[in-house]
Amino acid sequence: MNAKNGPVPTLVTYRAKPGKEQALLALVKRHWPTLKKQGLVTATPAKIWQASYKKGGTAFVELFEWKDGNSSDVAHQTPEVMAVWEPMGAVMDGMEIAEVEALD
């Protein structure tokens, strides 16, 4: 889909556990600045949306660009990033990650 040596637009949906919405949102808001500080994303700031499902439940959707196709792997080796990612497990029901590509 995307070249390994160029930006990789990524859309992540974080599904909050009931009652854990604010804790998850706080972590999502820390996510991009942490990645940016480590040089893993482009300068384009992340966009974050809140999604409310008709059947109940809340999710947060984040769109950001990895610097390149290797940045995600590097992030898994970076303690500062793991300090954001690890606590997410306790406040999420699940997540989906997709590389996206504009069709215009």
PDB file of N, CA and C in Angstrom:
ATOM      1  N   MET A   1       0.826  -1.198   0.000  1.00  0.00           N
ATOM      2  CA  MET A   1       0.000   0.000   0.000  1.00  0.00           C
ATOM      3  C   MET A   1       0.863   1.251   0.000  1.00  0.00           C
ATOM      4  N   ASN A   2       1.656   1.459   1.039  1.00  0.00           N
ATOM      5  CA  ASN A   2       2.508   2.641   1.132  1.00  0.00           C
ATOM      6  C   ASN A   2       3.964   2.232   1.026  1.00  0.00           C
ATOM      7  N   ALA A   3       4.768   3.120   0.439  1.00  0.00           N
ATOM      8  CA  ALA A   3       6.195   2.853   0.333  1.00  0.00           C
ATOM      9  C   ALA A   3       6.814   2.848   1.726  1.00  0.00           C
ATOM     10  N   LYS A   4       7.734   1.941   1.941  1.00  0.00           N
ATOM     11  CA  LYS A   4       8.401   1.837   3.243  1.00  0.00           C
ATOM     12  C   LYS A   4       9.207   3.096   3.568  1.00  0.00           C
ATOM     13  N   ASN A   5       9.644   3.834   2.541  1.00  0.00           N
ATOM     14  CA  ASN A   5      10.512   4.977   2.799  1.00  0.00           C
ATOM     15  C   ASN A   5       9.763   6.301   2.858  1.00  0.00           C
ATOM     16  N   GLY A   6       8.448   6.290   2.768  1.00  0.00           N
ATOM     17  CA  GLY A   6       7.675   7.523   2.843  1.00  0.00           C
ATOM     18  C   GLY A   6       6.680   7.474   3.984  1.00  0.00           C
ATOM     19  N   PRO A   7       5.959   8.570   4.182  1.00  0.00           N
ATOM     20  CA  PRO A   7       4.954   8.617   5.256  1.00  0.00           C
ATOM     21  C   PRO A   7       3.906   7.521   5.101  1.00  0.00           C
ATOM     22  N   VAL A   8       3.451   7.021   6.252  1.00  0.00           N
ATOM     23  CA  VAL A   8       2.427   5.968   6.266  1.00  0.00           C
ATOM     24  C   VAL A   8       1.222   6.494   7.056  1.00  0.00           C
ATOM     25  N   PRO A   9       0.197   7.031   6.346  1.00  0.00           N
ATOM     26  CA  PRO A   9      -1.006   7.490   7.048  1.00  0.00           C
ATOM     27  C   PRO A   9      -1.690   6.313   7.738  1.00  0.00           C
ATOM     28  N   THR A  10      -2.002   6.506   9.009  1.00  0.00           N
ATOM     29  CA  THR A  10      -2.526   5.419   9.825  1.00  0.00           C
ATOM     30  C   THR A  10      -3.754   5.892  10.594  1.00  0.00           C
ATOM     31  N   LEU A  11      -4.796   5.078  10.558  1.00  0.00           N
ATOM     32  CA  LEU A  11      -6.045   5.371  11.254  1.00  0.00           C
ATOM     33  C   LEU A  11      -6.222   4.318  12.344  1.00  0.00           C
ATOM     34  N   VAL A  12      -6.308   4.777  13.588  1.00  0.00           N
ATOM     35  CA  VAL A  12      -6.436   3.859  14.719  1.00  0.00           C
ATOM     36  C   VAL A  12      -7.755   4.143  15.436  1.00  0.00           C
ATOM     37  N   THR A  13      -8.516   3.097  15.685  1.00  0.00           N
ATOM     38  CA  THR A  13      -9.748   3.202  16.467  1.00  0.00           C
ATOM     39  C   THR A  13      -9.510   2.510  17.800  1.00  0.00           C
ATOM     40  N   TYR A  14      -9.636   3.270  18.862  1.00  0.00           N
ATOM     41  CA  TYR A  14      -9.450   2.774  20.228  1.00  0.00           C
ATOM     42  C   TYR A  14     -10.833   2.661  20.867  1.00  0.00           C
ATOM     43  N   ARG A  15     -11.294   1.461  21.182  1.00  0.00           N
ATOM     44  CA  ARG A  15     -12.615   1.272  21.793  1.00  0.00           C
ATOM     45  C   ARG A  15     -12.477   1.245  23.309  1.00  0.00           C
ATOM     46  N   ALA A  16     -13.119   2.203  23.968  1.00  0.00           N
ATOM     47  CA  ALA A  16     -13.001   2.359  25.417  1.00  0.00           C
ATOM     48  C   ALA A  16     -13.850   1.353  26.178  1.00  0.00           C
ATOM     49  N   LYS A  17     -13.313   0.869  27.300  1.00  0.00           N
ATOM     50  CA  LYS A  17     -14.118   0.095  28.234  1.00  0.00           C
ATOM     51  C   LYS A  17     -15.114   1.048  28.884  1.00  0.00           C
ATOM     52  N   PRO A  18     -16.308   0.569  29.225  1.00  0.00           N
ATOM     53  CA  PRO A  18     -17.288   1.424  29.893  1.00  0.00           C
ATOM     54  C   PRO A  18     -16.690   2.051  31.160  1.00  0.00           C
ATOM     55  N   GLY A  19     -16.864   3.361  31.280  1.00  0.00           N
ATOM     56  CA  GLY A  19     -16.357   4.080  32.441  1.00  0.00           C
ATOM     57  C   GLY A  19     -14.888   4.478  32.338  1.00  0.00           C
ATOM     58  N   LYS A  20     -14.206   4.058  31.285  1.00  0.00           N
ATOM     59  CA  LYS A  20     -12.776   4.345  31.121  1.00  0.00           C
ATOM     60  C   LYS A  20     -12.500   5.329  29.979  1.00  0.00           C
ATOM     61  N   GLU A  21     -13.556   5.994  29.507  1.00  0.00           N
ATOM     62  CA  GLU A  21     -13.414   6.876  28.360  1.00  0.00           C
ATOM     63  C   GLU A  21     -12.400   8.001  28.592  1.00  0.00           C
ATOM     64  N   GLN A  22     -12.478   8.665  29.735  1.00  0.00           N
ATOM     65  CA  GLN A  22     -11.574   9.793  29.985  1.00  0.00           C
ATOM     66  C   GLN A  22     -10.125   9.350  30.152  1.00  0.00           C
ATOM     67  N   ALA A  23      -9.926   8.200  30.785  1.00  0.00           N
ATOM     68  CA  ALA A  23      -8.569   7.673  30.943  1.00  0.00           C
ATOM     69  C   ALA A  23      -7.971   7.332  29.576  1.00  0.00           C
ATOM     70  N   LEU A  24      -8.776   6.731  28.704  1.00  0.00           N
ATOM     71  CA  LEU A  24      -8.294   6.394  27.372  1.00  0.00           C
ATOM     72  C   LEU A  24      -8.025   7.658  26.564  1.00  0.00           C
ATOM     73  N   LEU A  25      -8.931   8.614  26.621  1.00  0.00           N
ATOM     74  CA  LEU A  25      -8.726   9.858  25.880  1.00  0.00           C
ATOM     75  C   LEU A  25      -7.433  10.550  26.313  1.00  0.00           C
ATOM     76  N   ALA A  26      -7.149  10.558  27.586  1.00  0.00           N
ATOM     77  CA  ALA A  26      -5.910  11.183  28.071  1.00  0.00           C
ATOM     78  C   ALA A  26      -4.688  10.509  27.451  1.00  0.00           C
ATOM     79  N   LEU A  27      -4.719   9.179  27.332  1.00  0.00           N
ATOM     80  CA  LEU A  27      -3.598   8.456  26.715  1.00  0.00           C
ATOM     81  C   LEU A  27      -3.506   8.735  25.219  1.00  0.00           C
ATOM     82  N   VAL A  28      -4.656   8.758  24.543  1.00  0.00           N
ATOM     83  CA  VAL A  28      -4.664   9.036  23.103  1.00  0.00           C
ATOM     84  C   VAL A  28      -4.098  10.441  22.840  1.00  0.00           C
ATOM     85  N   LYS A  29      -4.442  11.392  23.686  1.00  0.00           N
ATOM     86  CA  LYS A  29      -3.923  12.759  23.509  1.00  0.00           C
ATOM     87  C   LYS A  29      -2.413  12.828  23.718  1.00  0.00           C
ATOM     88  N   ARG A  30      -1.848  11.920  24.498  1.00  0.00           N
ATOM     89  CA  ARG A  30      -0.392  11.866  24.717  1.00  0.00           C
ATOM     90  C   ARG A  30       0.333  11.129  23.595  1.00  0.00           C
ATOM     91  N   HIS A  31      -0.403  10.328  22.832  1.00  0.00           N
ATOM     92  CA  HIS A  31       0.192   9.424  21.851  1.00  0.00           C
ATOM     93  C   HIS A  31       1.043  10.150  20.818  1.00  0.00           C
ATOM     94  N   TRP A  32       0.421  11.017  20.011  1.00  0.00           N
ATOM     95  CA  TRP A  32       1.159  11.678  18.929  1.00  0.00           C
ATOM     96  C   TRP A  32       2.319  12.523  19.454  1.00  0.00           C
ATOM     97  N   PRO A  33       2.124  13.359  20.501  1.00  0.00           N
ATOM     98  CA  PRO A  33       3.277  14.128  20.992  1.00  0.00           C
ATOM     99  C   PRO A  33       4.450  13.229  21.403  1.00  0.00           C
ATOM    100  N   THR A  34       4.151  12.075  21.959  1.00  0.00           N
ATOM    101  CA  THR A  34       5.220  11.140  22.347  1.00  0.00           C
ATOM    102  C   THR A  34       5.925  10.600  21.112  1.00  0.00           C
ATOM    103  N   LEU A  35       5.154  10.207  20.104  1.00  0.00           N
ATOM    104  CA  LEU A  35       5.753   9.718  18.858  1.00  0.00           C
ATOM    105  C   LEU A  35       6.577  10.809  18.190  1.00  0.00           C
ATOM    106  N   LYS A  36       6.062  12.032  18.208  1.00  0.00           N
ATOM    107  CA  LYS A  36       6.763  13.165  17.579  1.00  0.00           C
ATOM    108  C   LYS A  36       8.098  13.425  18.273  1.00  0.00           C
ATOM    109  N   LYS A  37       8.096  13.405  19.582  1.00  0.00           N
ATOM    110  CA  LYS A  37       9.316  13.644  20.365  1.00  0.00           C
ATOM    111  C   LYS A  37      10.398  12.611  20.034  1.00  0.00           C
ATOM    112  N   GLN A  38       9.972  11.411  19.662  1.00  0.00           N
ATOM    113  CA  GLN A  38      10.907  10.335  19.328  1.00  0.00           C
ATOM    114  C   GLN A  38      11.285  10.324  17.843  1.00  0.00           C
ATOM    115  N   GLY A  39      10.725  11.265  17.061  1.00  0.00           N
ATOM    116  CA  GLY A  39      11.041  11.356  15.636  1.00  0.00           C
ATOM    117  C   GLY A  39      10.418  10.260  14.788  1.00  0.00           C
ATOM    118  N   LEU A  40       9.277   9.714  15.227  1.00  0.00           N
ATOM    119  CA  LEU A  40       8.670   8.574  14.546  1.00  0.00           C
ATOM    120  C   LEU A  40       7.516   8.935  13.624  1.00  0.00           C
ATOM    121  N   VAL A  41       7.049  10.178  13.691  1.00  0.00           N
ATOM    122  CA  VAL A  41       5.917  10.610  12.867  1.00  0.00           C
ATOM    123  C   VAL A  41       6.295  11.862  12.087  1.00  0.00           C
ATOM    124  N   THR A  42       5.465  12.183  11.090  1.00  0.00           N
ATOM    125  CA  THR A  42       5.688  13.415  10.334  1.00  0.00           C
ATOM    126  C   THR A  42       5.276  14.615  11.190  1.00  0.00           C
ATOM    127  N   ALA A  43       5.525  15.802  10.693  1.00  0.00           N
ATOM    128  CA  ALA A  43       5.179  17.029  11.414  1.00  0.00           C
ATOM    129  C   ALA A  43       3.675  17.319  11.398  1.00  0.00           C
ATOM    130  N   THR A  44       2.929  16.601  10.575  1.00  0.00           N
ATOM    131  CA  THR A  44       1.478  16.812  10.508  1.00  0.00           C
ATOM    132  C   THR A  44       0.844  16.332  11.804  1.00  0.00           C
ATOM    133  N   PRO A  45       0.229  17.242  12.575  1.00  0.00           N
ATOM    134  CA  PRO A  45      -0.364  16.827  13.855  1.00  0.00           C
ATOM    135  C   PRO A  45      -1.470  15.791  13.656  1.00  0.00           C
ATOM    136  N   ALA A  46      -1.596  14.910  14.623  1.00  0.00           N
ATOM    137  CA  ALA A  46      -2.665  13.910  14.592  1.00  0.00           C
ATOM    138  C   ALA A  46      -4.012  14.605  14.730  1.00  0.00           C
ATOM    139  N   LYS A  47      -5.028  13.977  14.156  1.00  0.00           N
ATOM    140  CA  LYS A  47      -6.411  14.410  14.356  1.00  0.00           C
ATOM    141  C   LYS A  47      -7.088  13.331  15.179  1.00  0.00           C
ATOM    142  N   ILE A  48      -7.892  13.755  16.143  1.00  0.00           N
ATOM    143  CA  ILE A  48      -8.591  12.816  17.021  1.00  0.00           C
ATOM    144  C   ILE A  48     -10.082  13.139  16.995  1.00  0.00           C
ATOM    145  N   TRP A  49     -10.889  12.091  16.839  1.00  0.00           N
ATOM    146  CA  TRP A  49     -12.337  12.218  16.889  1.00  0.00           C
ATOM    147  C   TRP A  49     -12.884  11.295  17.962  1.00  0.00           C
ATOM    148  N   GLN A  50     -14.060  11.639  18.481  1.00  0.00           N
ATOM    149  CA  GLN A  50     -14.779  10.740  19.376  1.00  0.00           C
ATOM    150  C   GLN A  50     -15.916  10.126  18.588  1.00  0.00           C
ATOM    151  N   ALA A  51     -16.086   8.825  18.714  1.00  0.00           N
ATOM    152  CA  ALA A  51     -17.175   8.106  18.050  1.00  0.00           C
ATOM    153  C   ALA A  51     -18.079   7.508  19.117  1.00  0.00           C
ATOM    154  N   SER A  52     -19.375   7.707  18.941  1.00  0.00           N
ATOM    155  CA  SER A  52     -20.368   7.112  19.838  1.00  0.00           C
ATOM    156  C   SER A  52     -21.196   6.145  19.018  1.00  0.00           C
ATOM    157  N   TYR A  53     -21.266   4.904  19.463  1.00  0.00           N
ATOM    158  CA  TYR A  53     -21.978   3.880  18.717  1.00  0.00           C
ATOM    159  C   TYR A  53     -23.449   3.846  19.111  1.00  0.00           C
ATOM    160  N   LYS A  54     -24.321   3.638  18.139  1.00  0.00           N
ATOM    161  CA  LYS A  54     -25.766   3.587  18.395  1.00  0.00           C
ATOM    162  C   LYS A  54     -26.124   2.471  19.368  1.00  0.00           C
ATOM    163  N   LYS A  55     -25.375   1.385  19.353  1.00  0.00           N
ATOM    164  CA  LYS A  55     -25.631   0.266  20.268  1.00  0.00           C
ATOM    165  C   LYS A  55     -24.949   0.482  21.616  1.00  0.00           C
ATOM    166  N   GLY A  56     -24.327   1.630  21.793  1.00  0.00           N
ATOM    167  CA  GLY A  56     -23.635   1.925  23.041  1.00  0.00           C
ATOM    168  C   GLY A  56     -22.134   1.787  22.871  1.00  0.00           C
ATOM    169  N   GLY A  57     -21.412   2.516  23.679  1.00  0.00           N
ATOM    170  CA  GLY A  57     -19.964   2.463  23.634  1.00  0.00           C
ATOM    171  C   GLY A  57     -19.359   3.686  22.981  1.00  0.00           C
ATOM    172  N   THR A  58     -18.126   3.925  23.339  1.00  0.00           N
ATOM    173  CA  THR A  58     -17.390   5.079  22.840  1.00  0.00           C
ATOM    174  C   THR A  58     -16.042   4.617  22.318  1.00  0.00           C
ATOM    175  N   ALA A  59     -15.609   5.276  21.256  1.00  0.00           N
ATOM    176  CA  ALA A  59     -14.269   5.024  20.730  1.00  0.00           C
ATOM    177  C   ALA A  59     -13.634   6.362  20.399  1.00  0.00           C
ATOM    178  N   PHE A  60     -12.336   6.344  20.316  1.00  0.00           N
ATOM    179  CA  PHE A  60     -11.589   7.504  19.849  1.00  0.00           C
ATOM    180  C   PHE A  60     -10.857   7.070  18.594  1.00  0.00           C
ATOM    181  N   VAL A  61     -10.897   7.923  17.575  1.00  0.00           N
ATOM    182  CA  VAL A  61     -10.285   7.624  16.291  1.00  0.00           C
ATOM    183  C   VAL A  61      -9.162   8.630  16.075  1.00  0.00           C
ATOM    184  N   GLU A  62      -7.984   8.112  15.782  1.00  0.00           N
ATOM    185  CA  GLU A  62      -6.806   8.963  15.601  1.00  0.00           C
ATOM    186  C   GLU A  62      -6.236   8.732  14.206  1.00  0.00           C
ATOM    187  N   LEU A  63      -5.963   9.823  13.504  1.00  0.00           N
ATOM    188  CA  LEU A  63      -5.311   9.766  12.197  1.00  0.00           C
ATOM    189  C   LEU A  63      -3.966  10.455  12.327  1.00  0.00           C
ATOM    190  N   PHE A  64      -2.901   9.741  11.997  1.00  0.00           N
ATOM    191  CA  PHE A  64      -1.562  10.320  12.028  1.00  0.00           C
ATOM    192  C   PHE A  64      -0.709   9.647  10.961  1.00  0.00           C
ATOM    193  N   GLU A  65       0.486  10.182  10.735  1.00  0.00           N
ATOM    194  CA  GLU A  65       1.394   9.626   9.735  1.00  0.00           C
ATOM    195  C   GLU A  65       2.700   9.172  10.381  1.00  0.00           C
ATOM    196  N   TRP A  66       2.959   7.862  10.289  1.00  0.00           N
ATOM    197  CA  TRP A  66       4.291   7.397  10.653  1.00  0.00           C
ATOM    198  C   TRP A  66       5.279   8.031   9.689  1.00  0.00           C
ATOM    199  N   LYS A  67       6.488   8.294  10.133  1.00  0.00           N
ATOM    200  CA  LYS A  67       7.525   8.885   9.281  1.00  0.00           C
ATOM    201  C   LYS A  67       7.831   7.974   8.095  1.00  0.00           C
ATOM    202  N   ASP A  68       7.869   6.665   8.346  1.00  0.00           N
ATOM    203  CA  ASP A  68       8.136   5.687   7.291  1.00  0.00           C
ATOM    204  C   ASP A  68       7.625   4.325   7.736  1.00  0.00           C
ATOM    205  N   GLY A  69       7.813   3.343   6.900  1.00  0.00           N
ATOM    206  CA  GLY A  69       7.294   2.013   7.184  1.00  0.00           C
ATOM    207  C   GLY A  69       7.979   1.286   8.326  1.00  0.00           C
ATOM    208  N   ASN A  70       9.113   1.783   8.795  1.00  0.00           N
ATOM    209  CA  ASN A  70       9.829   1.149   9.906  1.00  0.00           C
ATOM    210  C   ASN A  70       9.507   1.770  11.262  1.00  0.00           C
ATOM    211  N   SER A  71       8.872   2.931  11.264  1.00  0.00           N
ATOM    212  CA  SER A  71       8.660   3.676  12.508  1.00  0.00           C
ATOM    213  C   SER A  71       7.825   2.919  13.535  1.00  0.00           C
ATOM    214  N   SER A  72       6.827   2.186  13.077  1.00  0.00           N
ATOM    215  CA  SER A  72       5.991   1.421  14.005  1.00  0.00           C
ATOM    216  C   SER A  72       6.825   0.375  14.740  1.00  0.00           C
ATOM    217  N   ASP A  73       7.709  -0.295  14.027  1.00  0.00           N
ATOM    218  CA  ASP A  73       8.580  -1.295  14.659  1.00  0.00           C
ATOM    219  C   ASP A  73       9.511  -0.645  15.680  1.00  0.00           C
ATOM    220  N   VAL A  74      10.055   0.515  15.325  1.00  0.00           N
ATOM    221  CA  VAL A  74      10.943   1.240  16.245  1.00  0.00           C
ATOM    222  C   VAL A  74      10.169   1.647  17.496  1.00  0.00           C
ATOM    223  N   ALA A  75       8.911   2.068  17.317  1.00  0.00           N
ATOM    224  CA  ALA A  75       8.086   2.496  18.452  1.00  0.00           C
ATOM    225  C   ALA A  75       7.957   1.391  19.492  1.00  0.00           C
ATOM    226  N   HIS A  76       7.856   0.147  19.039  1.00  0.00           N
ATOM    227  CA  HIS A  76       7.733  -0.983  19.963  1.00  0.00           C
ATOM    228  C   HIS A  76       8.994  -1.206  20.794  1.00  0.00           C
ATOM    229  N   GLN A  77      10.094  -0.623  20.371  1.00  0.00           N
ATOM    230  CA  GLN A  77      11.369  -0.748  21.088  1.00  0.00           C
ATOM    231  C   GLN A  77      11.679   0.500  21.921  1.00  0.00           C
ATOM    232  N   THR A  78      10.745   1.461  21.939  1.00  0.00           N
ATOM    233  CA  THR A  78      10.998   2.755  22.564  1.00  0.00           C
ATOM    234  C   THR A  78      10.248   2.860  23.895  1.00  0.00           C
ATOM    235  N   PRO A  79      10.976   2.939  25.013  1.00  0.00           N
ATOM    236  CA  PRO A  79      10.323   2.974  26.334  1.00  0.00           C
ATOM    237  C   PRO A  79       9.312   4.113  26.488  1.00  0.00           C
ATOM    238  N   GLU A  80       9.585   5.278  25.921  1.00  0.00           N
ATOM    239  CA  GLU A  80       8.663   6.416  26.049  1.00  0.00           C
ATOM    240  C   GLU A  80       7.327   6.124  25.375  1.00  0.00           C
ATOM    241  N   VAL A  81       7.372   5.432  24.241  1.00  0.00           N
ATOM    242  CA  VAL A  81       6.136   5.069  23.537  1.00  0.00           C
ATOM    243  C   VAL A  81       5.412   3.958  24.292  1.00  0.00           C
ATOM    244  N   MET A  82       6.164   2.975  24.751  1.00  0.00           N
ATOM    245  CA  MET A  82       5.546   1.877  25.491  1.00  0.00           C
ATOM    246  C   MET A  82       4.888   2.368  26.779  1.00  0.00           C
ATOM    247  N   ALA A  83       5.386   3.473  27.338  1.00  0.00           N
ATOM    248  CA  ALA A  83       4.787   4.058  28.545  1.00  0.00           C
ATOM    249  C   ALA A  83       3.393   4.618  28.251  1.00  0.00           C
ATOM    250  N   VAL A  84       3.091   4.890  26.986  1.00  0.00           N
ATOM    251  CA  VAL A  84       1.745   5.311  26.582  1.00  0.00           C
ATOM    252  C   VAL A  84       0.932   4.083  26.172  1.00  0.00           C
ATOM    253  N   TRP A  85       1.527   3.204  25.399  1.00  0.00           N
ATOM    254  CA  TRP A  85       0.792   2.056  24.858  1.00  0.00           C
ATOM    255  C   TRP A  85       0.390   1.050  25.928  1.00  0.00           C
ATOM    256  N   GLU A  86       1.285   0.720  26.834  1.00  0.00           N
ATOM    257  CA  GLU A  86       0.988  -0.340  27.812  1.00  0.00           C
ATOM    258  C   GLU A  86      -0.236  -0.049  28.674  1.00  0.00           C
ATOM    259  N   PRO A  87      -0.404   1.171  29.216  1.00  0.00           N
ATOM    260  CA  PRO A  87      -1.602   1.423  30.036  1.00  0.00           C
ATOM    261  C   PRO A  87      -2.908   1.428  29.237  1.00  0.00           C
ATOM    262  N   MET A  88      -2.817   1.541  27.904  1.00  0.00           N
ATOM    263  CA  MET A  88      -4.029   1.542  27.083  1.00  0.00           C
ATOM    264  C   MET A  88      -4.790   0.225  27.223  1.00  0.00           C
ATOM    265  N   GLY A  89      -4.081  -0.876  27.395  1.00  0.00           N
ATOM    266  CA  GLY A  89      -4.734  -2.185  27.490  1.00  0.00           C
ATOM    267  C   GLY A  89      -5.750  -2.267  28.608  1.00  0.00           C
ATOM    268  N   ALA A  90      -5.503  -1.582  29.701  1.00  0.00           N
ATOM    269  CA  ALA A  90      -6.402  -1.636  30.859  1.00  0.00           C
ATOM    270  C   ALA A  90      -7.681  -0.827  30.665  1.00  0.00           C
ATOM    271  N   VAL A  91      -7.697   0.070  29.673  1.00  0.00           N
ATOM    272  CA  VAL A  91      -8.853   0.958  29.496  1.00  0.00           C
ATOM    273  C   VAL A  91      -9.535   0.774  28.140  1.00  0.00           C
ATOM    274  N   MET A  92      -9.087  -0.237  27.368  1.00  0.00           N
ATOM    275  CA  MET A  92      -9.665  -0.482  26.042  1.00  0.00           C
ATOM    276  C   MET A  92     -10.357  -1.829  25.974  1.00  0.00           C
ATOM    277  N   ASP A  93     -11.444  -1.875  25.197  1.00  0.00           N
ATOM    278  CA  ASP A  93     -12.073  -3.141  24.837  1.00  0.00           C
ATOM    279  C   ASP A  93     -11.436  -3.704  23.573  1.00  0.00           C
ATOM    280  N   GLY A  94     -10.727  -2.882  22.849  1.00  0.00           N
ATOM    281  CA  GLY A  94     -10.064  -3.337  21.625  1.00  0.00           C
ATOM    282  C   GLY A  94      -9.655  -2.157  20.775  1.00  0.00           C
ATOM    283  N   MET A  95      -8.931  -2.470  19.704  1.00  0.00           N
ATOM    284  CA  MET A  95      -8.512  -1.425  18.785  1.00  0.00           C
ATOM    285  C   MET A  95      -8.335  -2.012  17.390  1.00  0.00           C
ATOM    286  N   GLU A  96      -8.464  -1.134  16.403  1.00  0.00           N
ATOM    287  CA  GLU A  96      -8.207  -1.504  15.023  1.00  0.00           C
ATOM    288  C   GLU A  96      -7.203  -0.513  14.463  1.00  0.00           C
ATOM    289  N   ILE A  97      -6.248  -1.009  13.691  1.00  0.00           N
ATOM    290  CA  ILE A  97      -5.228  -0.169  13.072  1.00  0.00           C
ATOM    291  C   ILE A  97      -5.286  -0.408  11.573  1.00  0.00           C
ATOM    292  N   ALA A  98      -5.346   0.673  10.799  1.00  0.00           N
ATOM    293  CA  ALA A  98      -5.377   0.542   9.355  1.00  0.00           C
ATOM    294  C   ALA A  98      -4.454   1.576   8.708  1.00  0.00           C
ATOM    295  N   GLU A  99      -3.664   1.125   7.756  1.00  0.00           N
ATOM    296  CA  GLU A  99      -2.944   2.064   6.910  1.00  0.00           C
ATOM    297  C   GLU A  99      -3.959   2.539   5.882  1.00  0.00           C
ATOM    298  N   VAL A 100      -4.023   3.854   5.684  1.00  0.00           N
ATOM    299  CA  VAL A 100      -5.010   4.413   4.757  1.00  0.00           C
ATOM    300  C   VAL A 100      -4.323   5.138   3.618  1.00  0.00           C
ATOM    301  N   GLU A 101      -5.050   5.266   2.521  1.00  0.00           N
ATOM    302  CA  GLU A 101      -4.521   5.893   1.329  1.00  0.00           C
ATOM    303  C   GLU A 101      -5.633   6.731   0.695  1.00  0.00           C
ATOM    304  N   ALA A 102      -5.322   7.996   0.424  1.00  0.00           N
ATOM    305  CA  ALA A 102      -6.299   8.879  -0.213  1.00  0.00           C
ATOM    306  C   ALA A 102      -6.536   8.428  -1.653  1.00  0.00           C
ATOM    307  N   LEU A 103      -7.760   8.503  -2.100  1.00  0.00           N
ATOM    308  CA  LEU A 103      -8.099   8.093  -3.460  1.00  0.00           C
ATOM    309  C   LEU A 103      -8.424   9.276  -4.360  1.00  0.00           C
ATOM    310  N   ASP A 104      -8.069  10.469  -3.963  1.00  0.00           N
ATOM    311  CA  ASP A 104      -8.426  11.619  -4.788  1.00  0.00           C
ATOM    312  C   ASP A 104      -7.454  11.859  -5.896  1.00  0.00           C
TER     313      ASP A 104
END
